[in-house]
Amino acid sequence: MNHNIRNLNNVPACHVGLDIGGSKTRGIAWIDGEVVADFSVGSTNVQNVSPETARANMAELFGLLGSIEPTEVLAGAGGVDTDDDAAALRDLIAGFVPGAQVRVVHDTRLLLAAAGATEGIAVIAGTGSAAWGVNAAGEQARAGGWGYLLGDEGSGYWLGREAVRYSLHRMDLGEPVDSLTAGLLDYCKLTDPQGLIAHFHQGTTRRYWAAASPVIFAAAEQGHAHALGLVEQAAKDLAAMASQVARQLSITGPIVLGSGLGTNVPALQVAFKAHLAAAGLDDVDVLDQDPIFGIPLLVATRT
């Protein structure tokens, strides 16, 4: 992968990139290809926080960026599924950068660009999950990314929820607490599986349960059969999304796996690559830097 995406042609002298996630927003300012400011604040994604909170966090971010006056701002965000979604976020940003061109794209596009690619398939495996791709003709396709109520298979949230379901099923059967359930109870600071029901439904967030995914990976490393099955299923589901996009676009890669789980969990990476290899897809990379560093390439290529 080509990670050196500085000094690209057609990049404005000063531009700002935003990576807007469910829990935080990161903003970086580049001047003449060099990073001059890099700050993170709370989420500015109205899919995850109230419009008032999103505006307050955006104001904080641009306050931290200070006197920087970009000619262009490009933001990647999850949940940007319609033109109306993009327009709402664009309007929010534009109020803080009068005179700048503002573009909003789905965050999968940042991931692919961060791998130095302008065509191929990006697979997000983080709090949520999604796959997106583009071919040489500019045709695009997407799989998943429907949100936690409708999908997000293979994501951190999915893993956390499935561990809760497993633990409650064992409780219903009268089976003793095993190592996976014990790890989950320790994470939740609970003493009995019964408490998981109320805990799940009252006051916890998607991010909270996604952050429980290390419990599943730790149990899998210790040979826990169900945890191993969950990791395998997560990889299979993520690979299926990538394969679907590959078929729709008639391409074989590159396929880039990234975001929190995708970048940091070797067991998931190995299983993901194995499932794709079985489907005849071998051009697979794991992103080794944050997706926001794909923004200069998107700005330069206007993709």
C-alpha atoms as a PDB file:
ATOM      1  CA  MET A   1       0.000   0.000   0.000  1.00  0.00           C
ATOM      2  CA  ASN A   2       1.172   3.513  -0.714  1.00  0.00           C
ATOM      3  CA  HIS A   3       0.851   5.523   2.468  1.00  0.00           C
ATOM      4  CA  ASN A   4       2.786   8.543   1.252  1.00  0.00           C
ATOM      5  CA  ILE A   5       0.033  10.802   0.004  1.00  0.00           C
ATOM      6  CA  ARG A   6       1.656  14.167   0.631  1.00  0.00           C
ATOM      7  CA  ASN A   7       2.614  16.643  -2.083  1.00  0.00           C
ATOM      8  CA  LEU A   8      -0.195  15.532  -4.372  1.00  0.00           C
ATOM      9  CA  ASN A   9      -1.149  17.656  -7.332  1.00  0.00           C
ATOM     10  CA  ASN A  10      -4.256  19.831  -7.110  1.00  0.00           C
ATOM     11  CA  VAL A  11      -4.327  19.894  -3.305  1.00  0.00           C
ATOM     12  CA  PRO A  12      -5.345  23.325  -1.947  1.00  0.00           C
ATOM     13  CA  ALA A  13      -2.654  25.151   0.013  1.00  0.00           C
ATOM     14  CA  CYS A  14      -4.823  24.859   3.112  1.00  0.00           C
ATOM     15  CA  HIS A  15      -7.478  22.235   3.651  1.00  0.00           C
ATOM     16  CA  VAL A  16      -9.125  20.556   6.626  1.00  0.00           C
ATOM     17  CA  GLY A  17     -10.160  16.942   6.932  1.00  0.00           C
ATOM     18  CA  LEU A  18     -12.740  15.617   9.378  1.00  0.00           C
ATOM     19  CA  ASP A  19     -13.276  11.999  10.389  1.00  0.00           C
ATOM     20  CA  ILE A  20     -16.662  11.958  12.104  1.00  0.00           C
ATOM     21  CA  GLY A  21     -17.339   8.833  14.107  1.00  0.00           C
ATOM     22  CA  GLY A  22     -19.938   7.745  16.592  1.00  0.00           C
ATOM     23  CA  SER A  23     -17.823   8.613  19.620  1.00  0.00           C
ATOM     24  CA  LYS A  24     -15.416  11.293  18.439  1.00  0.00           C
ATOM     25  CA  THR A  25     -14.558  13.677  15.634  1.00  0.00           C
ATOM     26  CA  ARG A  26     -10.967  14.156  14.550  1.00  0.00           C
ATOM     27  CA  GLY A  27      -9.931  17.209  12.574  1.00  0.00           C
ATOM     28  CA  ILE A  28      -6.612  17.748  10.808  1.00  0.00           C
ATOM     29  CA  ALA A  29      -5.466  20.854   8.958  1.00  0.00           C
ATOM     30  CA  TRP A  30      -2.885  20.602   6.199  1.00  0.00           C
ATOM     31  CA  ILE A  31      -0.938  23.574   4.787  1.00  0.00           C
ATOM     32  CA  ASP A  32       1.216  22.894   1.735  1.00  0.00           C
ATOM     33  CA  GLY A  33       0.915  19.170   2.399  1.00  0.00           C
ATOM     34  CA  GLU A  34       2.093  19.321   6.004  1.00  0.00           C
ATOM     35  CA  VAL A  35      -0.045  18.681   9.092  1.00  0.00           C
ATOM     36  CA  VAL A  36      -0.252  21.897  11.105  1.00  0.00           C
ATOM     37  CA  ALA A  37      -3.085  21.036  13.517  1.00  0.00           C
ATOM     38  CA  ASP A  38      -4.622  17.797  14.770  1.00  0.00           C
ATOM     39  CA  PHE A  39      -7.421  17.771  17.353  1.00  0.00           C
ATOM     40  CA  SER A  40     -10.204  15.468  18.517  1.00  0.00           C
ATOM     41  CA  VAL A  41     -13.518  16.331  20.183  1.00  0.00           C
ATOM     42  CA  GLY A  42     -16.761  14.519  20.887  1.00  0.00           C
ATOM     43  CA  SER A  43     -18.941  13.195  18.098  1.00  0.00           C
ATOM     44  CA  THR A  44     -20.505  15.620  15.629  1.00  0.00           C
ATOM     45  CA  ASN A  45     -22.554  12.908  13.947  1.00  0.00           C
ATOM     46  CA  VAL A  46     -26.252  13.620  14.419  1.00  0.00           C
ATOM     47  CA  GLN A  47     -26.900   9.893  13.962  1.00  0.00           C
ATOM     48  CA  ASN A  48     -25.268   9.437  17.373  1.00  0.00           C
ATOM     49  CA  VAL A  49     -25.713  12.700  19.294  1.00  0.00           C
ATOM     50  CA  SER A  50     -28.291  15.472  19.400  1.00  0.00           C
ATOM     51  CA  PRO A  51     -28.036  18.355  16.912  1.00  0.00           C
ATOM     52  CA  GLU A  52     -27.181  20.657  19.832  1.00  0.00           C
ATOM     53  CA  THR A  53     -24.335  18.419  20.975  1.00  0.00           C
ATOM     54  CA  ALA A  54     -23.068  18.010  17.405  1.00  0.00           C
ATOM     55  CA  ARG A  55     -22.989  21.786  16.909  1.00  0.00           C
ATOM     56  CA  ALA A  56     -21.274  22.393  20.259  1.00  0.00           C
ATOM     57  CA  ASN A  57     -18.599  19.802  19.499  1.00  0.00           C
ATOM     58  CA  MET A  58     -18.068  21.176  16.005  1.00  0.00           C
ATOM     59  CA  ALA A  59     -17.679  24.663  17.463  1.00  0.00           C
ATOM     60  CA  GLU A  60     -15.090  23.316  19.911  1.00  0.00           C
ATOM     61  CA  LEU A  61     -13.141  21.656  17.106  1.00  0.00           C
ATOM     62  CA  PHE A  62     -12.973  24.730  14.896  1.00  0.00           C
ATOM     63  CA  GLY A  63     -12.130  26.785  17.958  1.00  0.00           C
ATOM     64  CA  LEU A  64      -9.121  24.527  18.525  1.00  0.00           C
ATOM     65  CA  LEU A  65      -8.135  24.891  14.872  1.00  0.00           C
ATOM     66  CA  GLY A  66      -8.036  28.616  15.575  1.00  0.00           C
ATOM     67  CA  SER A  67      -7.142  31.074  12.842  1.00  0.00           C
ATOM     68  CA  ILE A  68      -6.710  28.469  10.114  1.00  0.00           C
ATOM     69  CA  GLU A  69      -8.786  29.467   7.079  1.00  0.00           C
ATOM     70  CA  PRO A  70      -9.138  26.476   4.760  1.00  0.00           C
ATOM     71  CA  THR A  71     -10.248  26.794   1.164  1.00  0.00           C
ATOM     72  CA  GLU A  72     -11.694  23.287   1.327  1.00  0.00           C
ATOM     73  CA  VAL A  73     -13.085  21.001   4.033  1.00  0.00           C
ATOM     74  CA  LEU A  74     -13.705  17.322   3.383  1.00  0.00           C
ATOM     75  CA  ALA A  75     -15.555  15.259   5.971  1.00  0.00           C
ATOM     76  CA  GLY A  76     -16.020  11.517   6.123  1.00  0.00           C
ATOM     77  CA  ALA A  77     -18.842  10.264   8.321  1.00  0.00           C
ATOM     78  CA  GLY A  78     -20.771   7.107   9.017  1.00  0.00           C
ATOM     79  CA  GLY A  79     -24.514   7.183   8.417  1.00  0.00           C
ATOM     80  CA  VAL A  80     -24.290   9.471   5.381  1.00  0.00           C
ATOM     81  CA  ASP A  81     -26.728   7.403   3.360  1.00  0.00           C
ATOM     82  CA  THR A  82     -28.753  10.004   1.472  1.00  0.00           C
ATOM     83  CA  ASP A  83     -28.255  13.395  -0.132  1.00  0.00           C
ATOM     84  CA  ASP A  84     -30.229  14.876   2.751  1.00  0.00           C
ATOM     85  CA  ASP A  85     -27.832  13.315   5.286  1.00  0.00           C
ATOM     86  CA  ALA A  86     -24.864  14.800   3.462  1.00  0.00           C
ATOM     87  CA  ALA A  87     -26.531  18.199   3.081  1.00  0.00           C
ATOM     88  CA  ALA A  88     -27.358  18.423   6.787  1.00  0.00           C
ATOM     89  CA  LEU A  89     -23.772  17.716   7.784  1.00  0.00           C
ATOM     90  CA  ARG A  90     -22.428  20.003   5.084  1.00  0.00           C
ATOM     91  CA  ASP A  91     -24.601  22.855   6.361  1.00  0.00           C
ATOM     92  CA  LEU A  92     -23.396  22.266   9.918  1.00  0.00           C
ATOM     93  CA  ILE A  93     -19.745  22.465   8.873  1.00  0.00           C
ATOM     94  CA  ALA A  94     -20.198  25.385   6.477  1.00  0.00           C
ATOM     95  CA  GLY A  95     -21.279  27.680   9.284  1.00  0.00           C
ATOM     96  CA  PHE A  96     -17.787  27.467  10.771  1.00  0.00           C
ATOM     97  CA  VAL A  97     -15.795  27.908   7.542  1.00  0.00           C
ATOM     98  CA  PRO A  98     -17.415  30.710   5.516  1.00  0.00           C
ATOM     99  CA  GLY A  99     -16.090  30.800   1.975  1.00  0.00           C
ATOM    100  CA  ALA A 100     -14.661  27.281   2.020  1.00  0.00           C
ATOM    101  CA  GLN A 101     -15.852  24.475  -0.233  1.00  0.00           C
ATOM    102  CA  VAL A 102     -17.329  21.715   1.934  1.00  0.00           C
ATOM    103  CA  ARG A 103     -17.696  18.098   0.822  1.00  0.00           C
ATOM    104  CA  VAL A 104     -19.147  15.178   2.771  1.00  0.00           C
ATOM    105  CA  VAL A 105     -18.563  11.510   1.954  1.00  0.00           C
ATOM    106  CA  HIS A 106     -19.238   8.173   3.638  1.00  0.00           C
ATOM    107  CA  ASP A 107     -16.352   7.221   5.923  1.00  0.00           C
ATOM    108  CA  THR A 108     -15.553   4.065   3.953  1.00  0.00           C
ATOM    109  CA  ARG A 109     -14.105   6.336   1.249  1.00  0.00           C
ATOM    110  CA  LEU A 110     -11.529   7.672   3.693  1.00  0.00           C
ATOM    111  CA  LEU A 111     -10.404   4.150   4.485  1.00  0.00           C
ATOM    112  CA  LEU A 112      -9.741   3.197   0.865  1.00  0.00           C
ATOM    113  CA  ALA A 113      -7.922   6.451   0.163  1.00  0.00           C
ATOM    114  CA  ALA A 114      -5.775   6.022   3.282  1.00  0.00           C
ATOM    115  CA  ALA A 115      -4.448   2.857   1.655  1.00  0.00           C
ATOM    116  CA  GLY A 116      -3.354   4.990  -1.300  1.00  0.00           C
ATOM    117  CA  ALA A 117      -6.026   3.593  -3.609  1.00  0.00           C
ATOM    118  CA  THR A 118      -8.532   5.417  -5.792  1.00  0.00           C
ATOM    119  CA  GLU A 119     -10.356   2.226  -6.754  1.00  0.00           C
ATOM    120  CA  GLY A 120     -11.043  -0.939  -4.808  1.00  0.00           C
ATOM    121  CA  ILE A 121     -13.080  -1.996  -1.788  1.00  0.00           C
ATOM    122  CA  ALA A 122     -13.002  -0.664   1.769  1.00  0.00           C
ATOM    123  CA  VAL A 123     -14.342  -2.711   4.673  1.00  0.00           C
ATOM    124  CA  ILE A 124     -15.064  -1.045   7.991  1.00  0.00           C
ATOM    125  CA  ALA A 125     -14.954  -3.244  11.076  1.00  0.00           C
ATOM    126  CA  GLY A 126     -15.372  -0.989  14.080  1.00  0.00           C
ATOM    127  CA  THR A 127     -18.333  -0.080  16.267  1.00  0.00           C
ATOM    128  CA  GLY A 128     -20.353  -0.749  13.117  1.00  0.00           C
ATOM    129  CA  SER A 129     -19.543  -2.410   9.800  1.00  0.00           C
ATOM    130  CA  ALA A 130     -19.896  -1.682   6.101  1.00  0.00           C
ATOM    131  CA  ALA A 131     -18.215  -2.283   2.750  1.00  0.00           C
ATOM    132  CA  TRP A 132     -17.950   0.191  -0.129  1.00  0.00           C
ATOM    133  CA  GLY A 133     -16.160   0.067  -3.418  1.00  0.00           C
ATOM    134  CA  VAL A 134     -15.495   1.922  -6.641  1.00  0.00           C
ATOM    135  CA  ASN A 135     -14.116   0.615  -9.944  1.00  0.00           C
ATOM    136  CA  ALA A 136     -12.081   2.242 -12.703  1.00  0.00           C
ATOM    137  CA  ALA A 137     -15.271   3.385 -14.442  1.00  0.00           C
ATOM    138  CA  GLY A 138     -16.362   5.257 -11.315  1.00  0.00           C
ATOM    139  CA  GLU A 139     -19.203   2.849 -10.571  1.00  0.00           C
ATOM    140  CA  GLN A 140     -19.871   2.426  -6.860  1.00  0.00           C
ATOM    141  CA  ALA A 141     -21.433  -0.301  -4.740  1.00  0.00           C
ATOM    142  CA  ARG A 142     -22.036  -0.813  -1.062  1.00  0.00           C
ATOM    143  CA  ALA A 143     -22.953  -3.622   1.311  1.00  0.00           C
ATOM    144  CA  GLY A 144     -24.130  -3.285   4.900  1.00  0.00           C
ATOM    145  CA  GLY A 145     -23.787  -0.118   6.927  1.00  0.00           C
ATOM    146  CA  TRP A 146     -27.459  -0.252   7.845  1.00  0.00           C
ATOM    147  CA  GLY A 147     -26.889   0.476  11.525  1.00  0.00           C
ATOM    148  CA  TYR A 148     -27.039  -1.691  14.605  1.00  0.00           C
ATOM    149  CA  LEU A 149     -30.799  -2.313  14.535  1.00  0.00           C
ATOM    150  CA  LEU A 150     -30.726  -3.713  11.011  1.00  0.00           C
ATOM    151  CA  GLY A 151     -27.261  -5.135  10.598  1.00  0.00           C
ATOM    152  CA  ASP A 152     -23.648  -4.247  11.489  1.00  0.00           C
ATOM    153  CA  GLU A 153     -22.695  -7.924  11.374  1.00  0.00           C
ATOM    154  CA  GLY A 154     -19.066  -8.528  12.260  1.00  0.00           C
ATOM    155  CA  SER A 155     -18.780  -5.255  14.149  1.00  0.00           C
ATOM    156  CA  GLY A 156     -17.675  -4.624  17.711  1.00  0.00           C
ATOM    157  CA  TYR A 157     -21.268  -3.975  18.715  1.00  0.00           C
ATOM    158  CA  TRP A 158     -22.410  -7.226  17.102  1.00  0.00           C
ATOM    159  CA  LEU A 159     -19.760  -9.189  18.998  1.00  0.00           C
ATOM    160  CA  GLY A 160     -20.698  -7.579  22.314  1.00  0.00           C
ATOM    161  CA  ARG A 161     -24.397  -8.205  21.807  1.00  0.00           C
ATOM    162  CA  GLU A 162     -23.854 -11.811  20.759  1.00  0.00           C
ATOM    163  CA  ALA A 163     -21.780 -12.448  23.893  1.00  0.00           C
ATOM    164  CA  VAL A 164     -24.675 -11.127  25.984  1.00  0.00           C
ATOM    165  CA  ARG A 165     -27.128 -13.377  24.127  1.00  0.00           C
ATOM    166  CA  TYR A 166     -24.872 -16.372  24.653  1.00  0.00           C
ATOM    167  CA  SER A 167     -24.584 -15.670  28.376  1.00  0.00           C
ATOM    168  CA  LEU A 168     -28.316 -15.244  28.818  1.00  0.00           C
ATOM    169  CA  HIS A 169     -29.039 -18.449  26.899  1.00  0.00           C
ATOM    170  CA  ARG A 170     -26.723 -20.373  29.224  1.00  0.00           C
ATOM    171  CA  MET A 171     -28.514 -18.810  32.184  1.00  0.00           C
ATOM    172  CA  ASP A 172     -31.892 -19.935  30.839  1.00  0.00           C
ATOM    173  CA  LEU A 173     -30.532 -23.476  30.514  1.00  0.00           C
ATOM    174  CA  GLY A 174     -29.288 -23.426  34.089  1.00  0.00           C
ATOM    175  CA  GLU A 175     -25.689 -23.842  33.004  1.00  0.00           C
ATOM    176  CA  PRO A 176     -22.863 -22.428  35.140  1.00  0.00           C
ATOM    177  CA  VAL A 177     -21.002 -19.220  34.319  1.00  0.00           C
ATOM    178  CA  ASP A 178     -18.111 -20.036  31.980  1.00  0.00           C
ATOM    179  CA  SER A 179     -15.022 -18.011  31.078  1.00  0.00           C
ATOM    180  CA  LEU A 180     -16.713 -15.943  28.356  1.00  0.00           C
ATOM    181  CA  THR A 181     -19.637 -14.975  30.575  1.00  0.00           C
ATOM    182  CA  ALA A 182     -17.280 -14.318  33.496  1.00  0.00           C
ATOM    183  CA  GLY A 183     -15.252 -11.934  31.355  1.00  0.00           C
ATOM    184  CA  LEU A 184     -18.394 -10.163  30.217  1.00  0.00           C
ATOM    185  CA  LEU A 185     -19.710  -9.814  33.775  1.00  0.00           C
ATOM    186  CA  ASP A 186     -16.354  -8.411  34.874  1.00  0.00           C
ATOM    187  CA  TYR A 187     -16.456  -5.856  32.049  1.00  0.00           C
ATOM    188  CA  CYS A 188     -19.995  -4.838  33.042  1.00  0.00           C
ATOM    189  CA  LYS A 189     -19.182  -4.869  36.793  1.00  0.00           C
ATOM    190  CA  LEU A 190     -22.021  -7.322  37.393  1.00  0.00           C
ATOM    191  CA  THR A 191     -22.144 -10.442  39.538  1.00  0.00           C
ATOM    192  CA  ASP A 192     -24.922 -12.417  37.878  1.00  0.00           C
ATOM    193  CA  PRO A 193     -25.964 -12.968  34.228  1.00  0.00           C
ATOM    194  CA  GLN A 194     -29.526 -11.969  35.140  1.00  0.00           C
ATOM    195  CA  GLY A 195     -28.278  -8.400  35.515  1.00  0.00           C
ATOM    196  CA  LEU A 196     -27.223  -8.303  31.870  1.00  0.00           C
ATOM    197  CA  ILE A 197     -30.820  -7.885  30.714  1.00  0.00           C
ATOM    198  CA  ALA A 198     -31.469  -4.575  32.440  1.00  0.00           C
ATOM    199  CA  HIS A 199     -27.885  -3.448  31.926  1.00  0.00           C
ATOM    200  CA  PHE A 200     -28.151  -3.922  28.178  1.00  0.00           C
ATOM    201  CA  HIS A 201     -31.418  -2.028  27.850  1.00  0.00           C
ATOM    202  CA  GLN A 202     -30.857   0.774  30.342  1.00  0.00           C
ATOM    203  CA  GLY A 203     -28.286   3.472  29.840  1.00  0.00           C
ATOM    204  CA  THR A 204     -25.649   1.660  27.777  1.00  0.00           C
ATOM    205  CA  THR A 205     -24.619   2.639  24.260  1.00  0.00           C
ATOM    206  CA  ARG A 206     -23.452   1.005  21.046  1.00  0.00           C
ATOM    207  CA  ARG A 207     -19.942   2.174  21.833  1.00  0.00           C
ATOM    208  CA  TYR A 208     -20.123   0.575  25.287  1.00  0.00           C
ATOM    209  CA  TRP A 209     -20.958  -2.848  23.873  1.00  0.00           C
ATOM    210  CA  ALA A 210     -18.476  -2.497  21.020  1.00  0.00           C
ATOM    211  CA  ALA A 211     -15.823  -1.825  23.658  1.00  0.00           C
ATOM    212  CA  ALA A 212     -16.673  -5.219  25.180  1.00  0.00           C
ATOM    213  CA  SER A 213     -15.333  -6.992  22.077  1.00  0.00           C
ATOM    214  CA  PRO A 214     -11.867  -7.567  23.636  1.00  0.00           C
ATOM    215  CA  VAL A 215     -13.629  -9.927  26.073  1.00  0.00           C
ATOM    216  CA  ILE A 216     -14.622 -12.137  23.144  1.00  0.00           C
ATOM    217  CA  PHE A 217     -11.176 -12.012  21.544  1.00  0.00           C
ATOM    218  CA  ALA A 218      -9.495 -12.846  24.854  1.00  0.00           C
ATOM    219  CA  ALA A 219     -11.791 -15.846  25.359  1.00  0.00           C
ATOM    220  CA  ALA A 220     -11.118 -16.981  21.790  1.00  0.00           C
ATOM    221  CA  GLU A 221      -7.362 -16.813  22.389  1.00  0.00           C
ATOM    222  CA  GLN A 222      -7.908 -19.138  25.353  1.00  0.00           C
ATOM    223  CA  GLY A 223      -9.721 -21.620  23.148  1.00  0.00           C
ATOM    224  CA  HIS A 224     -13.325 -20.907  24.172  1.00  0.00           C
ATOM    225  CA  ALA A 225     -15.389 -22.656  21.505  1.00  0.00           C
ATOM    226  CA  HIS A 226     -18.239 -20.144  21.277  1.00  0.00           C
ATOM    227  CA  ALA A 227     -15.888 -17.139  21.277  1.00  0.00           C
ATOM    228  CA  LEU A 228     -13.895 -18.751  18.481  1.00  0.00           C
ATOM    229  CA  GLY A 229     -17.147 -19.247  16.599  1.00  0.00           C
ATOM    230  CA  LEU A 230     -18.097 -15.595  17.021  1.00  0.00           C
ATOM    231  CA  VAL A 231     -14.756 -14.386  15.663  1.00  0.00           C
ATOM    232  CA  GLU A 232     -15.073 -16.768  12.727  1.00  0.00           C
ATOM    233  CA  GLN A 233     -18.638 -15.612  12.008  1.00  0.00           C
ATOM    234  CA  ALA A 234     -17.626 -11.957  12.219  1.00  0.00           C
ATOM    235  CA  ALA A 235     -14.850 -12.516   9.683  1.00  0.00           C
ATOM    236  CA  LYS A 236     -17.187 -14.505   7.431  1.00  0.00           C
ATOM    237  CA  ASP A 237     -19.815 -11.748   7.459  1.00  0.00           C
ATOM    238  CA  LEU A 238     -17.266  -9.016   6.730  1.00  0.00           C
ATOM    239  CA  ALA A 239     -15.773 -11.070   3.899  1.00  0.00           C
ATOM    240  CA  ALA A 240     -19.253 -11.672   2.477  1.00  0.00           C
ATOM    241  CA  MET A 241     -19.844  -7.916   2.282  1.00  0.00           C
ATOM    242  CA  ALA A 242     -16.528  -7.423   0.490  1.00  0.00           C
ATOM    243  CA  SER A 243     -17.280 -10.287  -1.919  1.00  0.00           C
ATOM    244  CA  GLN A 244     -20.695  -8.836  -2.722  1.00  0.00           C
ATOM    245  CA  VAL A 245     -19.207  -5.472  -3.637  1.00  0.00           C
ATOM    246  CA  ALA A 246     -16.467  -7.151  -5.687  1.00  0.00           C
ATOM    247  CA  ARG A 247     -19.068  -9.037  -7.714  1.00  0.00           C
ATOM    248  CA  GLN A 248     -21.203  -5.954  -8.272  1.00  0.00           C
ATOM    249  CA  LEU A 249     -18.237  -3.946  -9.534  1.00  0.00           C
ATOM    250  CA  SER A 250     -16.501  -6.822 -11.372  1.00  0.00           C
ATOM    251  CA  ILE A 251     -13.219  -6.188  -9.571  1.00  0.00           C
ATOM    252  CA  THR A 252     -10.949  -8.337  -7.428  1.00  0.00           C
ATOM    253  CA  GLY A 253      -9.328  -5.687  -5.265  1.00  0.00           C
ATOM    254  CA  PRO A 254      -7.589  -4.186  -3.585  1.00  0.00           C
ATOM    255  CA  ILE A 255      -9.730  -4.983  -0.560  1.00  0.00           C
ATOM    256  CA  VAL A 256      -8.738  -2.894   2.462  1.00  0.00           C
ATOM    257  CA  LEU A 257      -9.808  -3.834   5.983  1.00  0.00           C
ATOM    258  CA  GLY A 258      -9.729  -1.090   8.586  1.00  0.00           C
ATOM    259  CA  SER A 259     -11.263   0.741  11.541  1.00  0.00           C
ATOM    260  CA  GLY A 260     -10.843  -0.345  15.179  1.00  0.00           C
ATOM    261  CA  LEU A 261     -11.286  -4.102  14.942  1.00  0.00           C
ATOM    262  CA  GLY A 262     -10.056  -4.419  11.390  1.00  0.00           C
ATOM    263  CA  THR A 263      -6.779  -2.672  12.097  1.00  0.00           C
ATOM    264  CA  ASN A 264      -6.033  -4.066  15.556  1.00  0.00           C
ATOM    265  CA  VAL A 265      -7.257  -7.676  15.842  1.00  0.00           C
ATOM    266  CA  PRO A 266      -4.950 -10.184  14.117  1.00  0.00           C
ATOM    267  CA  ALA A 267      -7.316 -13.139  14.614  1.00  0.00           C
ATOM    268  CA  LEU A 268     -10.068 -11.290  12.749  1.00  0.00           C
ATOM    269  CA  GLN A 269      -7.657 -10.268   9.987  1.00  0.00           C
ATOM    270  CA  VAL A 270      -6.451 -13.838   9.449  1.00  0.00           C
ATOM    271  CA  ALA A 271      -9.966 -15.266   9.285  1.00  0.00           C
ATOM    272  CA  PHE A 272     -11.156 -12.425   7.021  1.00  0.00           C
ATOM    273  CA  LYS A 273      -8.339 -13.077   4.550  1.00  0.00           C
ATOM    274  CA  ALA A 274      -8.997 -16.820   4.636  1.00  0.00           C
ATOM    275  CA  HIS A 275     -12.672 -16.394   3.751  1.00  0.00           C
ATOM    276  CA  LEU A 276     -11.820 -14.051   0.891  1.00  0.00           C
ATOM    277  CA  ALA A 277      -9.127 -16.397  -0.397  1.00  0.00           C
ATOM    278  CA  ALA A 278     -11.731 -19.163  -0.497  1.00  0.00           C
ATOM    279  CA  ALA A 279     -13.786 -16.874  -2.735  1.00  0.00           C
ATOM    280  CA  GLY A 280     -10.788 -16.286  -5.035  1.00  0.00           C
ATOM    281  CA  LEU A 281     -10.003 -12.814  -3.672  1.00  0.00           C
ATOM    282  CA  ASP A 282      -6.359 -12.546  -2.627  1.00  0.00           C
ATOM    283  CA  ASP A 283      -5.580  -8.836  -3.034  1.00  0.00           C
ATOM    284  CA  VAL A 284      -6.293  -7.957   0.602  1.00  0.00           C
ATOM    285  CA  ASP A 285      -4.562  -5.403   2.837  1.00  0.00           C
ATOM    286  CA  VAL A 286      -5.025  -4.288   6.424  1.00  0.00           C
ATOM    287  CA  LEU A 287      -4.928  -0.534   6.925  1.00  0.00           C
ATOM    288  CA  ASP A 288      -2.093   0.512   9.226  1.00  0.00           C
ATOM    289  CA  GLN A 289      -2.970   4.181   9.694  1.00  0.00           C
ATOM    290  CA  ASP A 290      -6.064   6.179  10.598  1.00  0.00           C
ATOM    291  CA  PRO A 291      -8.555   6.673   7.741  1.00  0.00           C
ATOM    292  CA  ILE A 292      -8.373  10.462   8.071  1.00  0.00           C
ATOM    293  CA  PHE A 293      -5.002  10.355   6.321  1.00  0.00           C
ATOM    294  CA  GLY A 294      -6.826   9.399   3.135  1.00  0.00           C
ATOM    295  CA  ILE A 295      -8.340  12.863   2.896  1.00  0.00           C
ATOM    296  CA  PRO A 296      -5.484  14.517   0.961  1.00  0.00           C
ATOM    297  CA  LEU A 297      -5.873  11.917  -1.778  1.00  0.00           C
ATOM    298  CA  LEU A 298      -9.641  12.470  -1.971  1.00  0.00           C
ATOM    299  CA  VAL A 299      -9.090  16.218  -2.110  1.00  0.00           C
ATOM    300  CA  ALA A 300      -6.458  15.879  -4.837  1.00  0.00           C
ATOM    301  CA  THR A 301      -8.462  13.519  -7.024  1.00  0.00           C
ATOM    302  CA  ARG A 302     -11.852  15.102  -6.327  1.00  0.00           C
ATOM    303  CA  THR A 303     -13.331  11.608  -5.802  1.00  0.00           C
END
